[in-house]
Amino acid sequence: MAIIKCPACSEQTSDKVKECPHCDMSMTAQTREQQESAKRVERIKVVQSIQMQTMFALIISIGGFIFYYLDDPIGDEQMQSAIGIGGLILGLTWHLINRVRVTYINKKFKSER
């Protein structure tokens, strides 16, 4: 029994299994086209997940911006400002990190071709 890498998800698995336990891809006699297709599908799933996180980060940023500029006639304005600026900074930082991650994944995919 040998340990091999799955061509689709690159996780380690036994050479005796018929399907990868991580991504459920068939391990029996795949053509090169099928392997490349599986890698593309996996990359698309990862990029879509990161894009959803990016959208959430932008929503946090917009929420922080709106919260910062709302008038609070009764409460503590310093606390409201701190929360608003914190949300704005957190969202924008998260957004930038996700953009770098997407760029890295795309470059990695192009270099594997």
PDB file of N, CA and C in Angstrom:
ATOM      1  N   MET A   1       0.841  -1.171   0.000  1.00  0.00           N
ATOM      2  CA  MET A   1       0.000   0.000   0.000  1.00  0.00           C
ATOM      3  C   MET A   1       0.894   1.246   0.000  1.00  0.00           C
ATOM      4  N   ALA A   2       0.651   2.133  -0.937  1.00  0.00           N
ATOM      5  CA  ALA A   2       1.428   3.359  -1.045  1.00  0.00           C
ATOM      6  C   ALA A   2       0.524   4.572  -0.845  1.00  0.00           C
ATOM      7  N   ILE A   3       1.135   5.651  -0.405  1.00  0.00           N
ATOM      8  CA  ILE A   3       0.418   6.907  -0.237  1.00  0.00           C
ATOM      9  C   ILE A   3       0.686   7.748  -1.481  1.00  0.00           C
ATOM     10  N   ILE A   4      -0.406   8.209  -2.111  1.00  0.00           N
ATOM     11  CA  ILE A   4      -0.299   9.042  -3.313  1.00  0.00           C
ATOM     12  C   ILE A   4      -1.091  10.322  -3.107  1.00  0.00           C
ATOM     13  N   LYS A   5      -0.874  11.267  -4.000  1.00  0.00           N
ATOM     14  CA  LYS A   5      -1.643  12.514  -3.967  1.00  0.00           C
ATOM     15  C   LYS A   5      -2.812  12.405  -4.929  1.00  0.00           C
ATOM     16  N   CYS A   6      -3.960  12.875  -4.487  1.00  0.00           N
ATOM     17  CA  CYS A   6      -5.124  12.927  -5.369  1.00  0.00           C
ATOM     18  C   CYS A   6      -4.854  13.975  -6.451  1.00  0.00           C
ATOM     19  N   PRO A   7      -5.124  13.674  -7.712  1.00  0.00           N
ATOM     20  CA  PRO A   7      -4.875  14.654  -8.775  1.00  0.00           C
ATOM     21  C   PRO A   7      -5.801  15.866  -8.712  1.00  0.00           C
ATOM     22  N   ALA A   8      -6.940  15.726  -8.040  1.00  0.00           N
ATOM     23  CA  ALA A   8      -7.896  16.830  -7.984  1.00  0.00           C
ATOM     24  C   ALA A   8      -7.629  17.773  -6.821  1.00  0.00           C
ATOM     25  N   CYS A   9      -7.491  17.208  -5.613  1.00  0.00           N
ATOM     26  CA  CYS A   9      -7.379  18.061  -4.429  1.00  0.00           C
ATOM     27  C   CYS A   9      -5.994  18.056  -3.797  1.00  0.00           C
ATOM     28  N   SER A  10      -5.082  17.242  -4.289  1.00  0.00           N
ATOM     29  CA  SER A  10      -3.696  17.144  -3.819  1.00  0.00           C
ATOM     30  C   SER A  10      -3.570  16.669  -2.379  1.00  0.00           C
ATOM     31  N   GLU A  11      -4.612  16.065  -1.844  1.00  0.00           N
ATOM     32  CA  GLU A  11      -4.548  15.484  -0.509  1.00  0.00           C
ATOM     33  C   GLU A  11      -3.956  14.084  -0.601  1.00  0.00           C
ATOM     34  N   GLN A  12      -3.323  13.624   0.465  1.00  0.00           N
ATOM     35  CA  GLN A  12      -2.726  12.299   0.469  1.00  0.00           C
ATOM     36  C   GLN A  12      -3.786  11.238   0.738  1.00  0.00           C
ATOM     37  N   THR A  13      -3.684  10.142   0.000  1.00  0.00           N
ATOM     38  CA  THR A  13      -4.619   9.033   0.153  1.00  0.00           C
ATOM     39  C   THR A  13      -3.925   7.737  -0.255  1.00  0.00           C
ATOM     40  N   SER A  14      -4.555   6.650   0.021  1.00  0.00           N
ATOM     41  CA  SER A  14      -3.991   5.350  -0.326  1.00  0.00           C
ATOM     42  C   SER A  14      -4.169   5.082  -1.816  1.00  0.00           C
ATOM     43  N   ASP A  15      -3.261   4.287  -2.384  1.00  0.00           N
ATOM     44  CA  ASP A  15      -3.396   3.935  -3.802  1.00  0.00           C
ATOM     45  C   ASP A  15      -4.427   2.827  -4.006  1.00  0.00           C
ATOM     46  N   LYS A  16      -4.961   2.277  -2.929  1.00  0.00           N
ATOM     47  CA  LYS A  16      -5.941   1.188  -3.016  1.00  0.00           C
ATOM     48  C   LYS A  16      -7.389   1.680  -3.099  1.00  0.00           C
ATOM     49  N   VAL A  17      -7.640   2.929  -2.756  1.00  0.00           N
ATOM     50  CA  VAL A  17      -9.011   3.435  -2.753  1.00  0.00           C
ATOM     51  C   VAL A  17      -9.493   3.691  -4.168  1.00  0.00           C
ATOM     52  N   LYS A  18     -10.803   3.554  -4.367  1.00  0.00           N
ATOM     53  CA  LYS A  18     -11.392   3.803  -5.683  1.00  0.00           C
ATOM     54  C   LYS A  18     -11.808   5.256  -5.842  1.00  0.00           C
ATOM     55  N   GLU A  19     -12.113   5.917  -4.722  1.00  0.00           N
ATOM     56  CA  GLU A  19     -12.478   7.334  -4.733  1.00  0.00           C
ATOM     57  C   GLU A  19     -11.695   8.050  -3.653  1.00  0.00           C
ATOM     58  N   CYS A  20     -11.339   9.278  -3.923  1.00  0.00           N
ATOM     59  CA  CYS A  20     -10.639  10.095  -2.938  1.00  0.00           C
ATOM     60  C   CYS A  20     -11.584  10.367  -1.759  1.00  0.00           C
ATOM     61  N   PRO A  21     -11.162  10.117  -0.524  1.00  0.00           N
ATOM     62  CA  PRO A  21     -12.043  10.370   0.621  1.00  0.00           C
ATOM     63  C   PRO A  21     -12.241  11.863   0.904  1.00  0.00           C
ATOM     64  N   HIS A  22     -11.427  12.716   0.305  1.00  0.00           N
ATOM     65  CA  HIS A  22     -11.517  14.156   0.559  1.00  0.00           C
ATOM     66  C   HIS A  22     -12.434  14.863  -0.442  1.00  0.00           C
ATOM     67  N   CYS A  23     -12.336  14.489  -1.716  1.00  0.00           N
ATOM     68  CA  CYS A  23     -13.116  15.206  -2.742  1.00  0.00           C
ATOM     69  C   CYS A  23     -14.033  14.285  -3.546  1.00  0.00           C
ATOM     70  N   ASP A  24     -14.054  12.995  -3.237  1.00  0.00           N
ATOM     71  CA  ASP A  24     -14.915  12.001  -3.896  1.00  0.00           C
ATOM     72  C   ASP A  24     -14.652  11.845  -5.385  1.00  0.00           C
ATOM     73  N   MET A  25     -13.439  12.147  -5.817  1.00  0.00           N
ATOM     74  CA  MET A  25     -13.096  11.974  -7.218  1.00  0.00           C
ATOM     75  C   MET A  25     -12.644  10.534  -7.458  1.00  0.00           C
ATOM     76  N   SER A  26     -13.066   9.968  -8.563  1.00  0.00           N
ATOM     77  CA  SER A  26     -12.689   8.600  -8.904  1.00  0.00           C
ATOM     78  C   SER A  26     -11.191   8.536  -9.171  1.00  0.00           C
ATOM     79  N   MET A  27     -10.521   7.546  -8.580  1.00  0.00           N
ATOM     80  CA  MET A  27      -9.075   7.411  -8.720  1.00  0.00           C
ATOM     81  C   MET A  27      -8.688   6.399  -9.800  1.00  0.00           C
ATOM     82  N   THR A  28      -9.655   5.825 -10.459  1.00  0.00           N
ATOM     83  CA  THR A  28      -9.370   4.812 -11.475  1.00  0.00           C
ATOM     84  C   THR A  28      -9.175   5.458 -12.830  1.00  0.00           C
ATOM     85  N   ALA A  29      -8.054   5.212 -13.442  1.00  0.00           N
ATOM     86  CA  ALA A  29      -7.692   5.580 -14.824  1.00  0.00           C
ATOM     87  C   ALA A  29      -8.358   6.858 -15.332  1.00  0.00           C
ATOM     88  N   GLN A  30      -7.838   7.968 -14.902  1.00  0.00           N
ATOM     89  CA  GLN A  30      -8.357   9.246 -15.374  1.00  0.00           C
ATOM     90  C   GLN A  30      -7.472   9.767 -16.493  1.00  0.00           C
ATOM     91  N   THR A  31      -8.116  10.394 -17.431  1.00  0.00           N
ATOM     92  CA  THR A  31      -7.344  11.015 -18.498  1.00  0.00           C
ATOM     93  C   THR A  31      -6.776  12.337 -17.990  1.00  0.00           C
ATOM     94  N   ARG A  32      -5.817  12.859 -18.702  1.00  0.00           N
ATOM     95  CA  ARG A  32      -5.211  14.138 -18.319  1.00  0.00           C
ATOM     96  C   ARG A  32      -6.252  15.259 -18.352  1.00  0.00           C
ATOM     97  N   GLU A  33      -7.160  15.195 -19.311  1.00  0.00           N
ATOM     98  CA  GLU A  33      -8.227  16.197 -19.408  1.00  0.00           C
ATOM     99  C   GLU A  33      -9.104  16.189 -18.163  1.00  0.00           C
ATOM    100  N   GLN A  34      -9.455  14.994 -17.683  1.00  0.00           N
ATOM    101  CA  GLN A  34     -10.298  14.885 -16.499  1.00  0.00           C
ATOM    102  C   GLN A  34      -9.579  15.435 -15.268  1.00  0.00           C
ATOM    103  N   GLN A  35      -8.292  15.183 -15.170  1.00  0.00           N
ATOM    104  CA  GLN A  35      -7.523  15.696 -14.044  1.00  0.00           C
ATOM    105  C   GLN A  35      -7.455  17.226 -14.076  1.00  0.00           C
ATOM    106  N   GLU A  36      -7.204  17.802 -15.251  1.00  0.00           N
ATOM    107  CA  GLU A  36      -7.155  19.263 -15.375  1.00  0.00           C
ATOM    108  C   GLU A  36      -8.513  19.885 -15.099  1.00  0.00           C
ATOM    109  N   SER A  37      -9.564  19.230 -15.566  1.00  0.00           N
ATOM    110  CA  SER A  37     -10.911  19.725 -15.321  1.00  0.00           C
ATOM    111  C   SER A  37     -11.220  19.727 -13.823  1.00  0.00           C
ATOM    112  N   ALA A  38     -10.820  18.681 -13.137  1.00  0.00           N
ATOM    113  CA  ALA A  38     -11.054  18.603 -11.700  1.00  0.00           C
ATOM    114  C   ALA A  38     -10.291  19.699 -10.959  1.00  0.00           C
ATOM    115  N   LYS A  39      -9.069  19.989 -11.395  1.00  0.00           N
ATOM    116  CA  LYS A  39      -8.289  21.053 -10.769  1.00  0.00           C
ATOM    117  C   LYS A  39      -8.939  22.421 -11.009  1.00  0.00           C
ATOM    118  N   ARG A  40      -9.453  22.637 -12.226  1.00  0.00           N
ATOM    119  CA  ARG A  40     -10.130  23.904 -12.521  1.00  0.00           C
ATOM    120  C   ARG A  40     -11.364  24.076 -11.656  1.00  0.00           C
ATOM    121  N   VAL A  41     -12.129  23.009 -11.502  1.00  0.00           N
ATOM    122  CA  VAL A  41     -13.338  23.069 -10.680  1.00  0.00           C
ATOM    123  C   VAL A  41     -12.977  23.384  -9.231  1.00  0.00           C
ATOM    124  N   GLU A  42     -11.936  22.758  -8.726  1.00  0.00           N
ATOM    125  CA  GLU A  42     -11.497  23.014  -7.350  1.00  0.00           C
ATOM    126  C   GLU A  42     -11.050  24.461  -7.184  1.00  0.00           C
ATOM    127  N   ARG A  43     -10.310  24.996  -8.157  1.00  0.00           N
ATOM    128  CA  ARG A  43      -9.866  26.388  -8.085  1.00  0.00           C
ATOM    129  C   ARG A  43     -11.052  27.339  -8.100  1.00  0.00           C
ATOM    130  N   ILE A  44     -12.031  27.048  -8.948  1.00  0.00           N
ATOM    131  CA  ILE A  44     -13.217  27.900  -9.025  1.00  0.00           C
ATOM    132  C   ILE A  44     -13.966  27.907  -7.698  1.00  0.00           C
ATOM    133  N   LYS A  45     -14.075  26.760  -7.060  1.00  0.00           N
ATOM    134  CA  LYS A  45     -14.746  26.695  -5.760  1.00  0.00           C
ATOM    135  C   LYS A  45     -14.024  27.531  -4.717  1.00  0.00           C
ATOM    136  N   VAL A  46     -12.693  27.460  -4.708  1.00  0.00           N
ATOM    137  CA  VAL A  46     -11.916  28.226  -3.741  1.00  0.00           C
ATOM    138  C   VAL A  46     -12.067  29.721  -4.009  1.00  0.00           C
ATOM    139  N   VAL A  47     -11.974  30.121  -5.271  1.00  0.00           N
ATOM    140  CA  VAL A  47     -12.088  31.542  -5.618  1.00  0.00           C
ATOM    141  C   VAL A  47     -13.490  32.056  -5.284  1.00  0.00           C
ATOM    142  N   GLN A  48     -14.524  31.277  -5.528  1.00  0.00           N
ATOM    143  CA  GLN A  48     -15.878  31.707  -5.187  1.00  0.00           C
ATOM    144  C   GLN A  48     -16.045  31.886  -3.682  1.00  0.00           C
ATOM    145  N   SER A  49     -15.441  31.002  -2.906  1.00  0.00           N
ATOM    146  CA  SER A  49     -15.502  31.133  -1.456  1.00  0.00           C
ATOM    147  C   SER A  49     -14.825  32.423  -1.003  1.00  0.00           C
ATOM    148  N   ILE A  50     -13.680  32.720  -1.571  1.00  0.00           N
ATOM    149  CA  ILE A  50     -12.964  33.944  -1.213  1.00  0.00           C
ATOM    150  C   ILE A  50     -13.760  35.173  -1.660  1.00  0.00           C
ATOM    151  N   GLN A  51     -14.399  35.102  -2.815  1.00  0.00           N
ATOM    152  CA  GLN A  51     -15.204  36.234  -3.285  1.00  0.00           C
ATOM    153  C   GLN A  51     -16.397  36.492  -2.364  1.00  0.00           C
ATOM    154  N   MET A  52     -16.987  35.435  -1.823  1.00  0.00           N
ATOM    155  CA  MET A  52     -18.085  35.618  -0.865  1.00  0.00           C
ATOM    156  C   MET A  52     -17.562  36.293   0.406  1.00  0.00           C
ATOM    157  N   GLN A  53     -16.377  35.896   0.860  1.00  0.00           N
ATOM    158  CA  GLN A  53     -15.776  36.541   2.020  1.00  0.00           C
ATOM    159  C   GLN A  53     -15.492  38.010   1.728  1.00  0.00           C
ATOM    160  N   THR A  54     -15.068  38.306   0.508  1.00  0.00           N
ATOM    161  CA  THR A  54     -14.788  39.680   0.115  1.00  0.00           C
ATOM    162  C   THR A  54     -16.061  40.522   0.162  1.00  0.00           C
ATOM    163  N   MET A  55     -17.152  39.966  -0.318  1.00  0.00           N
ATOM    164  CA  MET A  55     -18.422  40.695  -0.269  1.00  0.00           C
ATOM    165  C   MET A  55     -18.834  40.969   1.180  1.00  0.00           C
ATOM    166  N   PHE A  56     -18.659  39.983   2.050  1.00  0.00           N
ATOM    167  CA  PHE A  56     -18.977  40.161   3.461  1.00  0.00           C
ATOM    168  C   PHE A  56     -18.089  41.244   4.071  1.00  0.00           C
ATOM    169  N   ALA A  57     -16.817  41.266   3.696  1.00  0.00           N
ATOM    170  CA  ALA A  57     -15.895  42.283   4.203  1.00  0.00           C
ATOM    171  C   ALA A  57     -16.324  43.683   3.754  1.00  0.00           C
ATOM    172  N   LEU A  58     -16.777  43.795   2.514  1.00  0.00           N
ATOM    173  CA  LEU A  58     -17.248  45.097   2.026  1.00  0.00           C
ATOM    174  C   LEU A  58     -18.517  45.540   2.748  1.00  0.00           C
ATOM    175  N   ILE A  59     -19.381  44.588   3.061  1.00  0.00           N
ATOM    176  CA  ILE A  59     -20.601  44.919   3.817  1.00  0.00           C
ATOM    177  C   ILE A  59     -20.226  45.431   5.208  1.00  0.00           C
ATOM    178  N   ILE A  60     -19.236  44.798   5.847  1.00  0.00           N
ATOM    179  CA  ILE A  60     -18.767  45.268   7.151  1.00  0.00           C
ATOM    180  C   ILE A  60     -18.207  46.683   7.031  1.00  0.00           C
ATOM    181  N   SER A  61     -17.444  46.945   5.970  1.00  0.00           N
ATOM    182  CA  SER A  61     -16.876  48.279   5.760  1.00  0.00           C
ATOM    183  C   SER A  61     -17.965  49.330   5.583  1.00  0.00           C
ATOM    184  N   ILE A  62     -18.938  49.017   4.772  1.00  0.00           N
ATOM    185  CA  ILE A  62     -20.042  49.959   4.540  1.00  0.00           C
ATOM    186  C   ILE A  62     -20.828  50.173   5.822  1.00  0.00           C
ATOM    187  N   GLY A  63     -21.060  49.100   6.562  1.00  0.00           N
ATOM    188  CA  GLY A  63     -21.756  49.221   7.846  1.00  0.00           C
ATOM    189  C   GLY A  63     -20.980  50.090   8.826  1.00  0.00           C
ATOM    190  N   GLY A  64     -19.664  49.907   8.885  1.00  0.00           N
ATOM    191  CA  GLY A  64     -18.835  50.733   9.760  1.00  0.00           C
ATOM    192  C   GLY A  64     -18.870  52.192   9.349  1.00  0.00           C
ATOM    193  N   PHE A  65     -18.838  52.446   8.038  1.00  0.00           N
ATOM    194  CA  PHE A  65     -18.898  53.812   7.536  1.00  0.00           C
ATOM    195  C   PHE A  65     -20.223  54.474   7.902  1.00  0.00           C
ATOM    196  N   ILE A  66     -21.316  53.749   7.693  1.00  0.00           N
ATOM    197  CA  ILE A  66     -22.638  54.297   8.018  1.00  0.00           C
ATOM    198  C   ILE A  66     -22.762  54.522   9.525  1.00  0.00           C
ATOM    199  N   PHE A  67     -22.296  53.551  10.320  1.00  0.00           N
ATOM    200  CA  PHE A  67     -22.378  53.675  11.774  1.00  0.00           C
ATOM    201  C   PHE A  67     -21.569  54.862  12.270  1.00  0.00           C
ATOM    202  N   TYR A  68     -20.436  55.124  11.635  1.00  0.00           N
ATOM    203  CA  TYR A  68     -19.591  56.250  12.022  1.00  0.00           C
ATOM    204  C   TYR A  68     -20.301  57.591  11.788  1.00  0.00           C
ATOM    205  N   TYR A  69     -21.049  57.675  10.716  1.00  0.00           N
ATOM    206  CA  TYR A  69     -21.681  58.948  10.362  1.00  0.00           C
ATOM    207  C   TYR A  69     -23.111  59.106  10.856  1.00  0.00           C
ATOM    208  N   LEU A  70     -23.658  58.120  11.528  1.00  0.00           N
ATOM    209  CA  LEU A  70     -24.993  58.278  12.112  1.00  0.00           C
ATOM    210  C   LEU A  70     -24.929  59.227  13.298  1.00  0.00           C
ATOM    211  N   ASP A  71     -25.964  60.005  13.473  1.00  0.00           N
ATOM    212  CA  ASP A  71     -26.035  60.891  14.628  1.00  0.00           C
ATOM    213  C   ASP A  71     -26.659  60.137  15.787  1.00  0.00           C
ATOM    214  N   ASP A  72     -25.974  60.142  16.924  1.00  0.00           N
ATOM    215  CA  ASP A  72     -26.489  59.503  18.129  1.00  0.00           C
ATOM    216  C   ASP A  72     -26.764  60.597  19.157  1.00  0.00           C
ATOM    217  N   PRO A  73     -28.032  61.039  19.280  1.00  0.00           N
ATOM    218  CA  PRO A  73     -28.317  62.179  20.153  1.00  0.00           C
ATOM    219  C   PRO A  73     -28.157  61.864  21.645  1.00  0.00           C
ATOM    220  N   ILE A  74     -28.266  60.615  22.037  1.00  0.00           N
ATOM    221  CA  ILE A  74     -28.246  60.292  23.460  1.00  0.00           C
ATOM    222  C   ILE A  74     -26.910  59.679  23.889  1.00  0.00           C
ATOM    223  N   GLY A  75     -26.375  58.786  23.079  1.00  0.00           N
ATOM    224  CA  GLY A  75     -25.235  57.963  23.483  1.00  0.00           C
ATOM    225  C   GLY A  75     -23.896  58.664  23.423  1.00  0.00           C
ATOM    226  N   ASP A  76     -22.876  57.858  23.617  1.00  0.00           N
ATOM    227  CA  ASP A  76     -21.493  58.320  23.646  1.00  0.00           C
ATOM    228  C   ASP A  76     -20.949  58.347  22.214  1.00  0.00           C
ATOM    229  N   GLU A  77     -20.616  59.545  21.736  1.00  0.00           N
ATOM    230  CA  GLU A  77     -20.148  59.674  20.353  1.00  0.00           C
ATOM    231  C   GLU A  77     -18.772  59.065  20.156  1.00  0.00           C
ATOM    232  N   GLN A  78     -17.926  59.071  21.170  1.00  0.00           N
ATOM    233  CA  GLN A  78     -16.600  58.477  21.044  1.00  0.00           C
ATOM    234  C   GLN A  78     -16.698  56.977  20.814  1.00  0.00           C
ATOM    235  N   MET A  79     -17.588  56.331  21.536  1.00  0.00           N
ATOM    236  CA  MET A  79     -17.767  54.887  21.387  1.00  0.00           C
ATOM    237  C   MET A  79     -18.298  54.564  19.997  1.00  0.00           C
ATOM    238  N   GLN A  80     -19.251  55.350  19.528  1.00  0.00           N
ATOM    239  CA  GLN A  80     -19.822  55.128  18.198  1.00  0.00           C
ATOM    240  C   GLN A  80     -18.756  55.338  17.125  1.00  0.00           C
ATOM    241  N   SER A  81     -17.947  56.352  17.274  1.00  0.00           N
ATOM    242  CA  SER A  81     -16.876  56.605  16.312  1.00  0.00           C
ATOM    243  C   SER A  81     -15.869  55.471  16.302  1.00  0.00           C
ATOM    244  N   ALA A  82     -15.501  54.981  17.482  1.00  0.00           N
ATOM    245  CA  ALA A  82     -14.520  53.892  17.573  1.00  0.00           C
ATOM    246  C   ALA A  82     -15.060  52.619  16.918  1.00  0.00           C
ATOM    247  N   ILE A  83     -16.311  52.300  17.158  1.00  0.00           N
ATOM    248  CA  ILE A  83     -16.905  51.108  16.545  1.00  0.00           C
ATOM    249  C   ILE A  83     -16.999  51.266  15.033  1.00  0.00           C
ATOM    250  N   GLY A  84     -17.418  52.435  14.575  1.00  0.00           N
ATOM    251  CA  GLY A  84     -17.524  52.687  13.136  1.00  0.00           C
ATOM    252  C   GLY A  84     -16.190  52.606  12.424  1.00  0.00           C
ATOM    253  N   ILE A  85     -15.184  53.247  12.984  1.00  0.00           N
ATOM    254  CA  ILE A  85     -13.851  53.217  12.367  1.00  0.00           C
ATOM    255  C   ILE A  85     -13.272  51.808  12.434  1.00  0.00           C
ATOM    256  N   GLY A  86     -13.498  51.115  13.550  1.00  0.00           N
ATOM    257  CA  GLY A  86     -13.023  49.735  13.672  1.00  0.00           C
ATOM    258  C   GLY A  86     -13.629  48.828  12.617  1.00  0.00           C
ATOM    259  N   GLY A  87     -14.941  48.957  12.395  1.00  0.00           N
ATOM    260  CA  GLY A  87     -15.603  48.160  11.352  1.00  0.00           C
ATOM    261  C   GLY A  87     -15.091  48.498   9.966  1.00  0.00           C
ATOM    262  N   LEU A  88     -14.881  49.771   9.735  1.00  0.00           N
ATOM    263  CA  LEU A  88     -14.368  50.215   8.435  1.00  0.00           C
ATOM    264  C   LEU A  88     -12.969  49.665   8.179  1.00  0.00           C
ATOM    265  N   ILE A  89     -12.089  49.770   9.153  1.00  0.00           N
ATOM    266  CA  ILE A  89     -10.717  49.266   9.003  1.00  0.00           C
ATOM    267  C   ILE A  89     -10.699  47.752   8.875  1.00  0.00           C
ATOM    268  N   LEU A  90     -11.477  47.060   9.705  1.00  0.00           N
ATOM    269  CA  LEU A  90     -11.540  45.600   9.646  1.00  0.00           C
ATOM    270  C   LEU A  90     -12.024  45.127   8.272  1.00  0.00           C
ATOM    271  N   GLY A  91     -13.090  45.709   7.781  1.00  0.00           N
ATOM    272  CA  GLY A  91     -13.642  45.309   6.486  1.00  0.00           C
ATOM    273  C   GLY A  91     -12.690  45.567   5.331  1.00  0.00           C
ATOM    274  N   LEU A  92     -12.066  46.737   5.316  1.00  0.00           N
ATOM    275  CA  LEU A  92     -11.143  47.060   4.220  1.00  0.00           C
ATOM    276  C   LEU A  92      -9.882  46.193   4.263  1.00  0.00           C
ATOM    277  N   THR A  93      -9.385  45.914   5.466  1.00  0.00           N
ATOM    278  CA  THR A  93      -8.211  45.044   5.589  1.00  0.00           C
ATOM    279  C   THR A  93      -8.535  43.637   5.111  1.00  0.00           C
ATOM    280  N   TRP A  94      -9.673  43.129   5.530  1.00  0.00           N
ATOM    281  CA  TRP A  94     -10.113  41.796   5.118  1.00  0.00           C
ATOM    282  C   TRP A  94     -10.284  41.740   3.598  1.00  0.00           C
ATOM    283  N   HIS A  95     -10.857  42.794   3.030  1.00  0.00           N
ATOM    284  CA  HIS A  95     -11.041  42.876   1.582  1.00  0.00           C
ATOM    285  C   HIS A  95      -9.690  42.816   0.853  1.00  0.00           C
ATOM    286  N   LEU A  96      -8.714  43.592   1.305  1.00  0.00           N
ATOM    287  CA  LEU A  96      -7.399  43.603   0.661  1.00  0.00           C
ATOM    288  C   LEU A  96      -6.707  42.244   0.775  1.00  0.00           C
ATOM    289  N   ILE A  97      -6.809  41.608   1.922  1.00  0.00           N
ATOM    290  CA  ILE A  97      -6.203  40.283   2.098  1.00  0.00           C
ATOM    291  C   ILE A  97      -6.834  39.288   1.131  1.00  0.00           C
ATOM    292  N   ASN A  98      -8.141  39.339   0.982  1.00  0.00           N
ATOM    293  CA  ASN A  98      -8.821  38.416   0.063  1.00  0.00           C
ATOM    294  C   ASN A  98      -8.431  38.680  -1.385  1.00  0.00           C
ATOM    295  N   ARG A  99      -8.245  39.927  -1.758  1.00  0.00           N
ATOM    296  CA  ARG A  99      -7.821  40.228  -3.134  1.00  0.00           C
ATOM    297  C   ARG A  99      -6.431  39.660  -3.400  1.00  0.00           C
ATOM    298  N   VAL A 100      -5.534  39.745  -2.427  1.00  0.00           N
ATOM    299  CA  VAL A 100      -4.200  39.171  -2.572  1.00  0.00           C
ATOM    300  C   VAL A 100      -4.306  37.649  -2.699  1.00  0.00           C
ATOM    301  N   ARG A 101      -5.176  37.029  -1.915  1.00  0.00           N
ATOM    302  CA  ARG A 101      -5.349  35.576  -1.986  1.00  0.00           C
ATOM    303  C   ARG A 101      -5.844  35.142  -3.370  1.00  0.00           C
ATOM    304  N   VAL A 102      -6.807  35.864  -3.931  1.00  0.00           N
ATOM    305  CA  VAL A 102      -7.330  35.524  -5.262  1.00  0.00           C
ATOM    306  C   VAL A 102      -6.233  35.679  -6.313  1.00  0.00           C
ATOM    307  N   THR A 103      -5.456  36.750  -6.219  1.00  0.00           N
ATOM    308  CA  THR A 103      -4.359  36.962  -7.171  1.00  0.00           C
ATOM    309  C   THR A 103      -3.343  35.831  -7.080  1.00  0.00           C
ATOM    310  N   TYR A 104      -3.001  35.428  -5.861  1.00  0.00           N
ATOM    311  CA  TYR A 104      -2.047  34.337  -5.662  1.00  0.00           C
ATOM    312  C   TYR A 104      -2.586  33.031  -6.252  1.00  0.00           C
ATOM    313  N   ILE A 105      -3.843  32.729  -6.025  1.00  0.00           N
ATOM    314  CA  ILE A 105      -4.431  31.489  -6.558  1.00  0.00           C
ATOM    315  C   ILE A 105      -4.436  31.508  -8.081  1.00  0.00           C
ATOM    316  N   ASN A 106      -4.775  32.632  -8.678  1.00  0.00           N
ATOM    317  CA  ASN A 106      -4.781  32.720 -10.137  1.00  0.00           C
ATOM    318  C   ASN A 106      -3.381  32.567 -10.721  1.00  0.00           C
ATOM    319  N   LYS A 107      -2.374  33.172 -10.091  1.00  0.00           N
ATOM    320  CA  LYS A 107      -1.005  33.019 -10.565  1.00  0.00           C
ATOM    321  C   LYS A 107      -0.536  31.583 -10.416  1.00  0.00           C
ATOM    322  N   LYS A 108      -0.882  30.967  -9.315  1.00  0.00           N
ATOM    323  CA  LYS A 108      -0.492  29.569  -9.078  1.00  0.00           C
ATOM    324  C   LYS A 108      -1.132  28.655 -10.130  1.00  0.00           C
ATOM    325  N   PHE A 109      -2.389  28.930 -10.463  1.00  0.00           N
ATOM    326  CA  PHE A 109      -3.090  28.127 -11.461  1.00  0.00           C
ATOM    327  C   PHE A 109      -2.433  28.295 -12.832  1.00  0.00           C
ATOM    328  N   LYS A 110      -2.075  29.514 -13.207  1.00  0.00           N
ATOM    329  CA  LYS A 110      -1.438  29.752 -14.513  1.00  0.00           C
ATOM    330  C   LYS A 110      -0.065  29.108 -14.598  1.00  0.00           C
ATOM    331  N   SER A 111       0.666  29.078 -13.467  1.00  0.00           N
ATOM    332  CA  SER A 111       1.995  28.464 -13.493  1.00  0.00           C
ATOM    333  C   SER A 111       1.917  26.939 -13.569  1.00  0.00           C
ATOM    334  N   GLU A 112       0.813  26.335 -13.140  1.00  0.00           N
ATOM    335  CA  GLU A 112       0.643  24.893 -13.195  1.00  0.00           C
ATOM    336  C   GLU A 112       0.261  24.407 -14.585  1.00  0.00           C
ATOM    337  N   ARG A 113      -0.191  25.285 -15.427  1.00  0.00           N
ATOM    338  CA  ARG A 113      -0.628  24.902 -16.763  1.00  0.00           C
ATOM    339  C   ARG A 113       0.484  24.478 -17.594  1.00  0.00           C
TER     340      ARG A 113
END
